[in-house]
Amino acid sequence: MVEGDNKSTNMLAQETAQLEDQLQAWGDVILAGDRVLRWEKPWFPGALMGATAILFLLIYYLDPSVLTGVSSGVMLLCLADYLVPTFAPRVFGSNKWTTEQQQRFHQICGNLVKTQRRLVGWWYRICTLKEEKPKMYFASVISSLLVVAWIGQQVHNLLLTYLIVSLMLLLPGLNQHGVLTKYAAMAKREFNKLIKNKEKKNE
C-alpha cells in the first residue's frame, strides 16, 4: 500500500514538473491571473465580472455565427500563444522569480494535474458504472441530460453561458475566502436537521 502511494506521489510530481516546463513561458500571466481569481485585492471580483459582462455584451451585439465565433476564438488563442511568451517578460519586468512565486506556480500546476486526474477518475467511474450497472447508468445519464436539455430550453444560450463562465471564474475566489465552505456547512446543517426531524416523525 505504501509502495503504491509512493508511486502515485512520484507520478504526480513528474506530471507536475512536465506541466511546469510546458507552461513556463506563460508563468507571469498565470501568476497574474491567479492573483485576480483569488481576489487578492477587494476590487478584483468587480473587475472580473465587469470584463466578463463586456465580453458577453460584445458577443451579443456582434451576434457572430457559430463558425465565425469558433474561428475567432481559435485565432485569438493562436495569437496569444505566439505573442504572450514574447511580450510577457517585457510587460511583467524581470525574468527572475522569487521563491514565493516559484512555489505558487508549482502549486497551480499541481492543482491542474490533480484536477485532470479527478476528471479522468470520474470518467472511469462512469465507464465502470456502465459495465457493472447498465440500468442505473442509463437512468442516470438520460435523466441528467433531460434536466440539462430542459434548463437549456428555458434559459437563453448566451445568458446560460455567461452564468456558467461567471460561476467558474468566481469559484477560486469564493473558495479562497471561505464562502463555499461556509455555505456548504450551512447546507449540511440544514440537511442534518431535516433528517433528524424525519426520524423523529417516523418514531
N, C-alpha and C. Protein backbone atom coordinates (compact mmCIF):
# COMPACT_ATOMS: atom_id res chain seq x y z
N MET A 1 0.84 -1.21 0.00
CA MET A 1 0.00 0.00 0.00
C MET A 1 0.87 1.26 0.00
N VAL A 2 1.92 1.26 0.86
CA VAL A 2 2.82 2.41 0.95
C VAL A 2 3.58 2.59 -0.36
N GLU A 3 3.96 1.45 -0.96
CA GLU A 3 4.69 1.49 -2.23
C GLU A 3 3.81 2.08 -3.33
N GLY A 4 2.52 1.71 -3.33
CA GLY A 4 1.58 2.26 -4.30
C GLY A 4 1.39 3.75 -4.12
N ASP A 5 1.32 4.19 -2.85
CA ASP A 5 1.18 5.63 -2.56
C ASP A 5 2.40 6.41 -3.03
N ASN A 6 3.60 5.82 -2.77
CA ASN A 6 4.84 6.47 -3.20
C ASN A 6 4.91 6.59 -4.73
N LYS A 7 4.47 5.52 -5.41
CA LYS A 7 4.46 5.52 -6.88
C LYS A 7 3.52 6.60 -7.41
N SER A 8 2.33 6.70 -6.78
CA SER A 8 1.35 7.71 -7.19
C SER A 8 1.89 9.12 -6.94
N THR A 9 2.56 9.32 -5.80
CA THR A 9 3.15 10.63 -5.47
C THR A 9 4.24 10.99 -6.46
N ASN A 10 5.08 10.00 -6.81
CA ASN A 10 6.17 10.25 -7.77
C ASN A 10 5.61 10.59 -9.14
N MET A 11 4.53 9.89 -9.56
CA MET A 11 3.91 10.18 -10.85
C MET A 11 3.31 11.58 -10.86
N LEU A 12 2.68 11.96 -9.73
CA LEU A 12 2.10 13.30 -9.61
C LEU A 12 3.18 14.37 -9.71
N ALA A 13 4.31 14.13 -9.02
CA ALA A 13 5.41 15.09 -9.06
C ALA A 13 5.99 15.19 -10.48
N GLN A 14 6.08 14.04 -11.16
CA GLN A 14 6.62 14.03 -12.52
C GLN A 14 5.70 14.76 -13.49
N GLU A 15 4.40 14.51 -13.39
CA GLU A 15 3.43 15.18 -14.26
C GLU A 15 3.40 16.69 -13.98
N THR A 16 3.53 17.06 -12.70
CA THR A 16 3.56 18.48 -12.34
C THR A 16 4.78 19.16 -12.93
N ALA A 17 5.93 18.50 -12.84
CA ALA A 17 7.17 19.06 -13.40
C ALA A 17 7.06 19.23 -14.92
N GLN A 18 6.46 18.25 -15.59
CA GLN A 18 6.27 18.35 -17.04
C GLN A 18 5.37 19.52 -17.40
N LEU A 19 4.28 19.69 -16.64
CA LEU A 19 3.36 20.79 -16.89
C LEU A 19 4.03 22.13 -16.63
N GLU A 20 4.86 22.21 -15.59
CA GLU A 20 5.60 23.44 -15.31
C GLU A 20 6.49 23.81 -16.49
N ASP A 21 7.18 22.82 -17.07
CA ASP A 21 8.03 23.08 -18.23
C ASP A 21 7.21 23.59 -19.41
N GLN A 22 6.03 22.99 -19.63
CA GLN A 22 5.19 23.37 -20.76
C GLN A 22 4.62 24.79 -20.60
N LEU A 23 4.30 25.17 -19.34
CA LEU A 23 3.66 26.46 -19.08
C LEU A 23 4.62 27.55 -18.64
N GLN A 24 5.92 27.26 -18.66
CA GLN A 24 6.91 28.21 -18.15
C GLN A 24 6.83 29.56 -18.86
N ALA A 25 6.62 29.53 -20.17
CA ALA A 25 6.54 30.79 -20.94
C ALA A 25 5.32 31.63 -20.53
N TRP A 26 4.29 30.96 -20.01
CA TRP A 26 3.06 31.64 -19.59
C TRP A 26 3.07 31.93 -18.08
N GLY A 27 4.18 31.68 -17.43
CA GLY A 27 4.24 31.75 -15.97
C GLY A 27 3.77 33.07 -15.37
N ASP A 28 4.27 34.18 -15.91
CA ASP A 28 3.90 35.50 -15.37
C ASP A 28 2.41 35.77 -15.53
N VAL A 29 1.87 35.39 -16.70
CA VAL A 29 0.44 35.59 -16.96
C VAL A 29 -0.40 34.72 -16.04
N ILE A 30 0.04 33.48 -15.83
CA ILE A 30 -0.70 32.55 -14.95
C ILE A 30 -0.71 33.07 -13.52
N LEU A 31 0.44 33.57 -13.05
CA LEU A 31 0.51 34.10 -11.68
C LEU A 31 -0.37 35.35 -11.52
N ALA A 32 -0.38 36.21 -12.55
CA ALA A 32 -1.23 37.42 -12.50
C ALA A 32 -2.70 37.01 -12.49
N GLY A 33 -3.06 36.05 -13.36
CA GLY A 33 -4.45 35.56 -13.39
C GLY A 33 -4.85 34.91 -12.09
N ASP A 34 -3.91 34.20 -11.48
CA ASP A 34 -4.18 33.54 -10.19
C ASP A 34 -4.48 34.57 -9.11
N ARG A 35 -3.73 35.67 -9.10
CA ARG A 35 -3.98 36.74 -8.11
C ARG A 35 -5.37 37.33 -8.29
N VAL A 36 -5.78 37.50 -9.55
CA VAL A 36 -7.11 38.06 -9.82
C VAL A 36 -8.20 37.07 -9.41
N LEU A 37 -8.03 35.80 -9.79
CA LEU A 37 -9.05 34.79 -9.49
C LEU A 37 -9.19 34.53 -7.99
N ARG A 38 -8.11 34.74 -7.24
CA ARG A 38 -8.18 34.53 -5.78
C ARG A 38 -8.53 35.81 -5.02
N TRP A 39 -8.82 36.88 -5.73
CA TRP A 39 -9.27 38.15 -5.16
C TRP A 39 -8.27 38.71 -4.14
N GLU A 40 -7.01 38.86 -4.58
CA GLU A 40 -6.01 39.40 -3.66
C GLU A 40 -6.30 40.86 -3.30
N LYS A 41 -7.02 41.56 -4.19
CA LYS A 41 -7.44 42.93 -3.89
C LYS A 41 -8.97 42.97 -3.92
N PRO A 42 -9.59 43.82 -3.09
CA PRO A 42 -11.06 43.81 -2.97
C PRO A 42 -11.80 44.18 -4.25
N TRP A 43 -11.14 44.88 -5.18
CA TRP A 43 -11.82 45.28 -6.41
C TRP A 43 -11.70 44.26 -7.53
N PHE A 44 -10.93 43.18 -7.30
CA PHE A 44 -10.74 42.17 -8.35
C PHE A 44 -12.04 41.46 -8.77
N PRO A 45 -12.93 41.08 -7.83
CA PRO A 45 -14.18 40.42 -8.27
C PRO A 45 -15.02 41.32 -9.19
N GLY A 46 -15.11 42.61 -8.83
CA GLY A 46 -15.88 43.54 -9.66
C GLY A 46 -15.27 43.70 -11.04
N ALA A 47 -13.94 43.80 -11.10
CA ALA A 47 -13.25 43.93 -12.39
C ALA A 47 -13.43 42.67 -13.23
N LEU A 48 -13.37 41.52 -12.57
CA LEU A 48 -13.53 40.23 -13.25
C LEU A 48 -14.92 40.11 -13.87
N MET A 49 -15.94 40.45 -13.07
CA MET A 49 -17.32 40.37 -13.56
C MET A 49 -17.59 41.44 -14.62
N GLY A 50 -17.00 42.61 -14.46
CA GLY A 50 -17.16 43.67 -15.46
C GLY A 50 -16.57 43.27 -16.80
N ALA A 51 -15.36 42.70 -16.78
CA ALA A 51 -14.71 42.26 -18.03
C ALA A 51 -15.52 41.15 -18.69
N THR A 52 -16.03 40.22 -17.88
CA THR A 52 -16.85 39.13 -18.43
C THR A 52 -18.13 39.67 -19.04
N ALA A 53 -18.77 40.60 -18.36
CA ALA A 53 -20.00 41.20 -18.88
C ALA A 53 -19.76 41.94 -20.19
N ILE A 54 -18.65 42.69 -20.27
CA ILE A 54 -18.32 43.42 -21.50
C ILE A 54 -18.10 42.45 -22.65
N LEU A 55 -17.37 41.36 -22.38
CA LEU A 55 -17.11 40.36 -23.41
C LEU A 55 -18.40 39.76 -23.95
N PHE A 56 -19.31 39.39 -23.05
CA PHE A 56 -20.56 38.78 -23.48
C PHE A 56 -21.50 39.78 -24.14
N LEU A 57 -21.46 41.04 -23.70
CA LEU A 57 -22.25 42.09 -24.37
C LEU A 57 -21.74 42.32 -25.79
N LEU A 58 -20.41 42.23 -25.95
CA LEU A 58 -19.82 42.38 -27.28
C LEU A 58 -20.25 41.23 -28.20
N ILE A 59 -20.25 40.00 -27.66
CA ILE A 59 -20.71 38.84 -28.43
C ILE A 59 -22.18 39.00 -28.79
N TYR A 60 -22.97 39.48 -27.82
CA TYR A 60 -24.40 39.68 -28.06
C TYR A 60 -24.64 40.74 -29.15
N TYR A 61 -23.85 41.81 -29.08
CA TYR A 61 -24.01 42.90 -30.04
C TYR A 61 -23.59 42.47 -31.45
N LEU A 62 -22.44 41.79 -31.56
CA LEU A 62 -21.93 41.37 -32.86
C LEU A 62 -22.72 40.18 -33.43
N ASP A 63 -23.24 39.35 -32.52
CA ASP A 63 -24.03 38.18 -32.90
C ASP A 63 -23.36 37.36 -34.00
N PRO A 64 -22.13 36.85 -33.73
CA PRO A 64 -21.43 36.09 -34.78
C PRO A 64 -22.05 34.71 -34.98
N SER A 65 -21.87 34.16 -36.16
CA SER A 65 -22.32 32.79 -36.40
C SER A 65 -21.41 31.84 -35.64
N VAL A 66 -21.82 30.58 -35.53
CA VAL A 66 -21.02 29.59 -34.79
C VAL A 66 -19.63 29.46 -35.41
N LEU A 67 -19.57 29.38 -36.73
CA LEU A 67 -18.30 29.21 -37.43
C LEU A 67 -17.39 30.42 -37.21
N THR A 68 -17.96 31.63 -37.28
CA THR A 68 -17.18 32.85 -37.04
C THR A 68 -16.68 32.90 -35.60
N GLY A 69 -17.56 32.55 -34.66
CA GLY A 69 -17.18 32.56 -33.25
C GLY A 69 -16.07 31.58 -32.95
N VAL A 70 -16.17 30.36 -33.46
CA VAL A 70 -15.14 29.34 -33.21
C VAL A 70 -13.82 29.75 -33.85
N SER A 71 -13.87 30.21 -35.12
CA SER A 71 -12.63 30.59 -35.81
C SER A 71 -11.98 31.80 -35.14
N SER A 72 -12.79 32.76 -34.66
CA SER A 72 -12.24 33.94 -33.97
C SER A 72 -11.60 33.54 -32.65
N GLY A 73 -12.25 32.63 -31.92
CA GLY A 73 -11.70 32.15 -30.65
C GLY A 73 -10.38 31.43 -30.84
N VAL A 74 -10.32 30.55 -31.84
CA VAL A 74 -9.07 29.81 -32.13
C VAL A 74 -7.99 30.76 -32.59
N MET A 75 -8.36 31.78 -33.41
CA MET A 75 -7.39 32.77 -33.88
C MET A 75 -6.79 33.55 -32.70
N LEU A 76 -7.64 33.94 -31.74
CA LEU A 76 -7.15 34.66 -30.56
C LEU A 76 -6.22 33.78 -29.73
N LEU A 77 -6.55 32.50 -29.60
CA LEU A 77 -5.68 31.57 -28.88
C LEU A 77 -4.32 31.43 -29.56
N CYS A 78 -4.33 31.34 -30.89
CA CYS A 78 -3.07 31.24 -31.65
C CYS A 78 -2.22 32.49 -31.48
N LEU A 79 -2.88 33.66 -31.55
CA LEU A 79 -2.16 34.92 -31.36
C LEU A 79 -1.57 35.01 -29.95
N ALA A 80 -2.36 34.61 -28.96
CA ALA A 80 -1.87 34.64 -27.58
C ALA A 80 -0.70 33.69 -27.40
N ASP A 81 -0.80 32.50 -28.00
CA ASP A 81 0.26 31.50 -27.88
C ASP A 81 1.56 32.01 -28.50
N TYR A 82 1.44 32.84 -29.53
CA TYR A 82 2.62 33.39 -30.19
C TYR A 82 3.17 34.62 -29.48
N LEU A 83 2.25 35.52 -29.05
CA LEU A 83 2.66 36.81 -28.52
C LEU A 83 3.02 36.81 -27.04
N VAL A 84 2.29 36.02 -26.24
CA VAL A 84 2.50 36.05 -24.78
C VAL A 84 3.93 35.68 -24.38
N PRO A 85 4.50 34.56 -24.88
CA PRO A 85 5.88 34.25 -24.48
C PRO A 85 6.88 35.34 -24.87
N THR A 86 6.57 36.09 -25.94
CA THR A 86 7.49 37.14 -26.41
C THR A 86 7.40 38.41 -25.57
N PHE A 87 6.15 38.82 -25.27
CA PHE A 87 5.95 40.12 -24.63
C PHE A 87 5.76 40.06 -23.11
N ALA A 88 5.44 38.88 -22.57
CA ALA A 88 5.20 38.78 -21.12
C ALA A 88 6.39 39.23 -20.28
N PRO A 89 7.64 38.80 -20.61
CA PRO A 89 8.78 39.28 -19.80
C PRO A 89 8.94 40.79 -19.83
N ARG A 90 8.62 41.42 -20.97
CA ARG A 90 8.74 42.88 -21.06
C ARG A 90 7.65 43.59 -20.26
N VAL A 91 6.44 43.01 -20.29
CA VAL A 91 5.31 43.63 -19.57
C VAL A 91 5.48 43.47 -18.07
N PHE A 92 5.87 42.26 -17.62
CA PHE A 92 5.94 41.99 -16.19
C PHE A 92 7.32 42.27 -15.59
N GLY A 93 8.27 42.69 -16.44
CA GLY A 93 9.56 43.09 -15.91
C GLY A 93 10.58 41.97 -15.91
N SER A 94 11.09 41.67 -14.72
CA SER A 94 12.21 40.74 -14.58
C SER A 94 11.82 39.31 -14.93
N ASN A 95 12.80 38.59 -15.49
CA ASN A 95 12.61 37.16 -15.79
C ASN A 95 12.83 36.30 -14.55
N LYS A 96 13.41 36.90 -13.51
CA LYS A 96 13.72 36.12 -12.29
C LYS A 96 12.53 36.16 -11.34
N TRP A 97 12.18 34.98 -10.84
CA TRP A 97 11.07 34.86 -9.90
C TRP A 97 11.61 34.74 -8.49
N THR A 98 10.79 35.18 -7.54
CA THR A 98 11.11 34.95 -6.14
C THR A 98 10.75 33.51 -5.79
N THR A 99 11.23 33.05 -4.64
CA THR A 99 10.92 31.69 -4.19
C THR A 99 9.42 31.52 -4.00
N GLU A 100 8.77 32.57 -3.50
CA GLU A 100 7.31 32.52 -3.28
C GLU A 100 6.56 32.36 -4.60
N GLN A 101 7.00 33.10 -5.61
CA GLN A 101 6.35 32.99 -6.93
C GLN A 101 6.54 31.60 -7.52
N GLN A 102 7.75 31.06 -7.38
CA GLN A 102 8.04 29.72 -7.91
C GLN A 102 7.19 28.67 -7.20
N GLN A 103 7.06 28.81 -5.88
CA GLN A 103 6.23 27.86 -5.12
C GLN A 103 4.77 27.96 -5.52
N ARG A 104 4.27 29.17 -5.73
CA ARG A 104 2.87 29.36 -6.13
C ARG A 104 2.63 28.77 -7.52
N PHE A 105 3.57 28.96 -8.44
CA PHE A 105 3.46 28.39 -9.78
C PHE A 105 3.44 26.86 -9.71
N HIS A 106 4.28 26.32 -8.84
CA HIS A 106 4.31 24.86 -8.63
C HIS A 106 2.97 24.37 -8.08
N GLN A 107 2.40 25.11 -7.14
CA GLN A 107 1.08 24.75 -6.57
C GLN A 107 -0.01 24.78 -7.64
N ILE A 108 0.01 25.82 -8.48
CA ILE A 108 -1.00 25.93 -9.54
C ILE A 108 -0.91 24.75 -10.49
N CYS A 109 0.30 24.42 -10.91
CA CYS A 109 0.50 23.29 -11.83
C CYS A 109 0.08 21.98 -11.16
N GLY A 110 0.41 21.84 -9.87
CA GLY A 110 -0.01 20.64 -9.13
C GLY A 110 -1.53 20.53 -9.06
N ASN A 111 -2.20 21.67 -8.81
CA ASN A 111 -3.67 21.67 -8.76
C ASN A 111 -4.29 21.32 -10.11
N LEU A 112 -3.68 21.82 -11.20
CA LEU A 112 -4.17 21.49 -12.54
C LEU A 112 -4.04 20.00 -12.84
N VAL A 113 -2.92 19.42 -12.43
CA VAL A 113 -2.71 17.98 -12.63
C VAL A 113 -3.71 17.18 -11.81
N LYS A 114 -3.93 17.60 -10.56
CA LYS A 114 -4.91 16.90 -9.70
C LYS A 114 -6.31 17.00 -10.27
N THR A 115 -6.67 18.18 -10.80
CA THR A 115 -7.99 18.36 -11.42
C THR A 115 -8.15 17.44 -12.63
N GLN A 116 -7.10 17.36 -13.44
CA GLN A 116 -7.12 16.46 -14.60
C GLN A 116 -7.32 15.02 -14.16
N ARG A 117 -6.62 14.64 -13.10
CA ARG A 117 -6.75 13.27 -12.58
C ARG A 117 -8.16 13.00 -12.06
N ARG A 118 -8.75 14.00 -11.39
CA ARG A 118 -10.12 13.84 -10.89
C ARG A 118 -11.10 13.63 -12.04
N LEU A 119 -10.94 14.43 -13.10
CA LEU A 119 -11.83 14.30 -14.27
C LEU A 119 -11.69 12.94 -14.93
N VAL A 120 -10.45 12.48 -15.05
CA VAL A 120 -10.22 11.13 -15.62
C VAL A 120 -10.82 10.08 -14.70
N GLY A 121 -10.66 10.27 -13.38
CA GLY A 121 -11.24 9.33 -12.41
C GLY A 121 -12.75 9.25 -12.52
N TRP A 122 -13.38 10.44 -12.67
CA TRP A 122 -14.84 10.47 -12.84
C TRP A 122 -15.25 9.75 -14.11
N TRP A 123 -14.49 9.92 -15.18
CA TRP A 123 -14.79 9.25 -16.45
C TRP A 123 -14.71 7.74 -16.29
N TYR A 124 -13.65 7.27 -15.59
CA TYR A 124 -13.50 5.83 -15.35
C TYR A 124 -14.65 5.29 -14.49
N ARG A 125 -15.09 6.08 -13.51
CA ARG A 125 -16.21 5.67 -12.67
C ARG A 125 -17.48 5.50 -13.50
N ILE A 126 -17.71 6.45 -14.41
CA ILE A 126 -18.88 6.36 -15.28
C ILE A 126 -18.80 5.11 -16.17
N CYS A 127 -17.61 4.86 -16.72
CA CYS A 127 -17.42 3.66 -17.57
C CYS A 127 -17.63 2.39 -16.75
N THR A 128 -17.16 2.39 -15.50
CA THR A 128 -17.34 1.22 -14.63
C THR A 128 -18.81 1.02 -14.31
N LEU A 129 -19.52 2.12 -14.03
CA LEU A 129 -20.96 2.04 -13.76
C LEU A 129 -21.71 1.50 -14.97
N LYS A 130 -21.28 1.90 -16.17
CA LYS A 130 -21.91 1.41 -17.40
C LYS A 130 -21.75 -0.10 -17.54
N GLU A 131 -20.58 -0.59 -17.18
CA GLU A 131 -20.31 -2.03 -17.30
C GLU A 131 -20.98 -2.85 -16.21
N GLU A 132 -20.94 -2.32 -14.96
CA GLU A 132 -21.44 -3.11 -13.82
C GLU A 132 -22.94 -2.94 -13.59
N LYS A 133 -23.44 -1.70 -13.78
CA LYS A 133 -24.87 -1.44 -13.55
C LYS A 133 -25.44 -0.65 -14.73
N PRO A 134 -25.64 -1.32 -15.87
CA PRO A 134 -26.08 -0.59 -17.08
C PRO A 134 -27.43 0.10 -16.93
N LYS A 135 -28.36 -0.49 -16.16
CA LYS A 135 -29.68 0.13 -15.99
C LYS A 135 -29.57 1.44 -15.21
N MET A 136 -28.78 1.40 -14.12
CA MET A 136 -28.59 2.62 -13.33
C MET A 136 -27.87 3.69 -14.15
N TYR A 137 -26.87 3.25 -14.93
CA TYR A 137 -26.13 4.18 -15.81
C TYR A 137 -27.08 4.83 -16.80
N PHE A 138 -27.92 4.01 -17.44
CA PHE A 138 -28.86 4.52 -18.45
C PHE A 138 -29.83 5.52 -17.82
N ALA A 139 -30.41 5.14 -16.66
CA ALA A 139 -31.37 6.03 -15.99
C ALA A 139 -30.72 7.34 -15.56
N SER A 140 -29.51 7.26 -15.00
CA SER A 140 -28.81 8.46 -14.52
C SER A 140 -28.46 9.40 -15.66
N VAL A 141 -27.90 8.84 -16.73
CA VAL A 141 -27.46 9.66 -17.86
C VAL A 141 -28.66 10.31 -18.55
N ILE A 142 -29.71 9.52 -18.81
CA ILE A 142 -30.88 10.06 -19.51
C ILE A 142 -31.57 11.14 -18.68
N SER A 143 -31.75 10.89 -17.37
CA SER A 143 -32.41 11.89 -16.52
C SER A 143 -31.58 13.16 -16.41
N SER A 144 -30.24 13.02 -16.29
CA SER A 144 -29.37 14.20 -16.21
C SER A 144 -29.44 15.02 -17.49
N LEU A 145 -29.39 14.33 -18.63
CA LEU A 145 -29.44 15.02 -19.91
C LEU A 145 -30.79 15.69 -20.14
N LEU A 146 -31.86 15.05 -19.67
CA LEU A 146 -33.19 15.67 -19.79
C LEU A 146 -33.27 16.96 -18.98
N VAL A 147 -32.71 16.94 -17.77
CA VAL A 147 -32.70 18.15 -16.93
C VAL A 147 -31.90 19.26 -17.60
N VAL A 148 -30.71 18.90 -18.12
CA VAL A 148 -29.86 19.90 -18.80
C VAL A 148 -30.57 20.45 -20.03
N ALA A 149 -31.22 19.56 -20.81
CA ALA A 149 -31.95 19.99 -22.00
C ALA A 149 -33.10 20.94 -21.63
N TRP A 150 -33.80 20.63 -20.53
CA TRP A 150 -34.90 21.50 -20.08
C TRP A 150 -34.39 22.87 -19.67
N ILE A 151 -33.26 22.89 -18.91
CA ILE A 151 -32.66 24.17 -18.50
C ILE A 151 -32.25 24.97 -19.73
N GLY A 152 -31.62 24.28 -20.70
CA GLY A 152 -31.19 24.95 -21.92
C GLY A 152 -32.36 25.53 -22.71
N GLN A 153 -33.52 24.87 -22.62
CA GLN A 153 -34.71 25.35 -23.33
C GLN A 153 -35.31 26.58 -22.63
N GLN A 154 -35.18 26.65 -21.30
CA GLN A 154 -35.78 27.73 -20.52
C GLN A 154 -34.93 29.00 -20.53
N VAL A 155 -33.61 28.84 -20.61
CA VAL A 155 -32.70 29.99 -20.49
C VAL A 155 -31.99 30.20 -21.83
N HIS A 156 -31.82 31.46 -22.21
CA HIS A 156 -31.14 31.81 -23.46
C HIS A 156 -29.70 31.29 -23.44
N ASN A 157 -29.23 30.79 -24.61
CA ASN A 157 -27.89 30.19 -24.70
C ASN A 157 -26.79 31.09 -24.18
N LEU A 158 -26.79 32.34 -24.63
CA LEU A 158 -25.71 33.26 -24.25
C LEU A 158 -25.77 33.60 -22.76
N LEU A 159 -26.98 33.78 -22.23
CA LEU A 159 -27.13 34.06 -20.80
C LEU A 159 -26.66 32.87 -19.97
N LEU A 160 -27.04 31.67 -20.40
CA LEU A 160 -26.63 30.46 -19.69
C LEU A 160 -25.11 30.31 -19.71
N THR A 161 -24.50 30.57 -20.87
CA THR A 161 -23.04 30.50 -20.98
C THR A 161 -22.38 31.54 -20.09
N TYR A 162 -22.95 32.76 -20.07
CA TYR A 162 -22.43 33.83 -19.22
C TYR A 162 -22.47 33.43 -17.74
N LEU A 163 -23.60 32.85 -17.31
CA LEU A 163 -23.74 32.43 -15.91
C LEU A 163 -22.74 31.33 -15.55
N ILE A 164 -22.55 30.36 -16.46
CA ILE A 164 -21.60 29.26 -16.21
C ILE A 164 -20.18 29.80 -16.13
N VAL A 165 -19.80 30.66 -17.10
CA VAL A 165 -18.44 31.23 -17.11
C VAL A 165 -18.21 32.08 -15.87
N SER A 166 -19.19 32.89 -15.50
CA SER A 166 -19.07 33.75 -14.30
C SER A 166 -18.88 32.91 -13.05
N LEU A 167 -19.66 31.84 -12.93
CA LEU A 167 -19.54 30.96 -11.76
C LEU A 167 -18.17 30.32 -11.70
N MET A 168 -17.68 29.86 -12.85
CA MET A 168 -16.35 29.22 -12.88
C MET A 168 -15.24 30.19 -12.52
N LEU A 169 -15.38 31.46 -12.97
CA LEU A 169 -14.37 32.46 -12.66
C LEU A 169 -14.42 32.89 -11.20
N LEU A 170 -15.61 32.84 -10.59
CA LEU A 170 -15.74 33.26 -9.19
C LEU A 170 -15.40 32.15 -8.19
N LEU A 171 -15.46 30.90 -8.64
CA LEU A 171 -15.23 29.77 -7.72
C LEU A 171 -13.90 29.83 -6.96
N PRO A 172 -12.75 30.11 -7.65
CA PRO A 172 -11.48 30.15 -6.88
C PRO A 172 -11.50 31.19 -5.76
N GLY A 173 -12.05 32.38 -6.06
CA GLY A 173 -12.12 33.44 -5.05
C GLY A 173 -13.07 33.09 -3.91
N LEU A 174 -14.21 32.52 -4.26
CA LEU A 174 -15.17 32.10 -3.23
C LEU A 174 -14.55 31.04 -2.32
N ASN A 175 -13.82 30.13 -2.94
CA ASN A 175 -13.15 29.07 -2.16
C ASN A 175 -12.04 29.65 -1.29
N GLN A 176 -11.25 30.56 -1.85
CA GLN A 176 -10.13 31.17 -1.13
C GLN A 176 -10.60 31.95 0.10
N HIS A 177 -11.75 32.62 -0.01
CA HIS A 177 -12.26 33.44 1.08
C HIS A 177 -13.24 32.70 2.00
N GLY A 178 -13.35 31.40 1.80
CA GLY A 178 -14.15 30.56 2.71
C GLY A 178 -15.65 30.65 2.54
N VAL A 179 -16.10 31.29 1.46
CA VAL A 179 -17.55 31.44 1.25
C VAL A 179 -18.18 30.09 0.95
N LEU A 180 -17.53 29.30 0.09
CA LEU A 180 -18.06 27.97 -0.26
C LEU A 180 -18.15 27.08 0.96
N THR A 181 -17.09 27.08 1.78
CA THR A 181 -17.06 26.25 2.99
C THR A 181 -18.18 26.65 3.94
N LYS A 182 -18.39 27.96 4.09
CA LYS A 182 -19.41 28.47 4.99
C LYS A 182 -20.81 28.00 4.58
N TYR A 183 -21.13 28.19 3.29
CA TYR A 183 -22.48 27.83 2.83
C TYR A 183 -22.65 26.31 2.71
N ALA A 184 -21.56 25.60 2.42
CA ALA A 184 -21.63 24.13 2.40
C ALA A 184 -21.92 23.60 3.79
N ALA A 185 -21.29 24.21 4.81
CA ALA A 185 -21.54 23.81 6.20
C ALA A 185 -22.98 24.12 6.61
N MET A 186 -23.49 25.29 6.17
CA MET A 186 -24.88 25.66 6.47
C MET A 186 -25.86 24.67 5.82
N ALA A 187 -25.58 24.32 4.57
CA ALA A 187 -26.45 23.37 3.86
C ALA A 187 -26.41 22.00 4.53
N LYS A 188 -25.23 21.61 4.98
CA LYS A 188 -25.08 20.32 5.65
C LYS A 188 -25.86 20.30 6.96
N ARG A 189 -25.81 21.41 7.71
CA ARG A 189 -26.55 21.50 8.97
C ARG A 189 -28.05 21.40 8.73
N GLU A 190 -28.53 22.13 7.71
CA GLU A 190 -29.96 22.10 7.39
C GLU A 190 -30.39 20.71 6.95
N PHE A 191 -29.54 20.05 6.17
CA PHE A 191 -29.84 18.70 5.70
C PHE A 191 -29.92 17.72 6.87
N ASN A 192 -28.98 17.86 7.82
CA ASN A 192 -28.98 17.00 9.02
C ASN A 192 -30.23 17.25 9.87
N LYS A 193 -30.65 18.53 9.95
CA LYS A 193 -31.88 18.85 10.71
C LYS A 193 -33.09 18.19 10.08
N LEU A 194 -33.18 18.25 8.76
CA LEU A 194 -34.30 17.62 8.05
C LEU A 194 -34.34 16.11 8.30
N ILE A 195 -33.17 15.48 8.26
CA ILE A 195 -33.10 14.03 8.50
C ILE A 195 -33.53 13.70 9.93
N LYS A 196 -33.06 14.50 10.90
CA LYS A 196 -33.43 14.26 12.31
C LYS A 196 -34.93 14.45 12.52
N ASN A 197 -35.50 15.50 11.91
CA ASN A 197 -36.94 15.73 12.04
C ASN A 197 -37.75 14.59 11.43
N LYS A 198 -37.26 14.09 10.30
CA LYS A 198 -37.94 12.96 9.64
C LYS A 198 -37.89 11.72 10.50
N GLU A 199 -36.72 11.48 11.12
CA GLU A 199 -36.56 10.32 12.00
C GLU A 199 -37.48 10.41 13.23
N LYS A 200 -37.60 11.63 13.77
CA LYS A 200 -38.49 11.83 14.91
C LYS A 200 -39.94 11.57 14.56
N LYS A 201 -40.35 12.04 13.36
CA LYS A 201 -41.73 11.80 12.91
C LYS A 201 -42.00 10.30 12.71
N ASN A 202 -41.00 9.59 12.18
CA ASN A 202 -41.15 8.16 11.95
C ASN A 202 -41.26 7.38 13.26
N GLU A 203 -40.58 7.90 14.30
CA GLU A 203 -40.65 7.24 15.61
C GLU A 203 -42.03 7.42 16.24
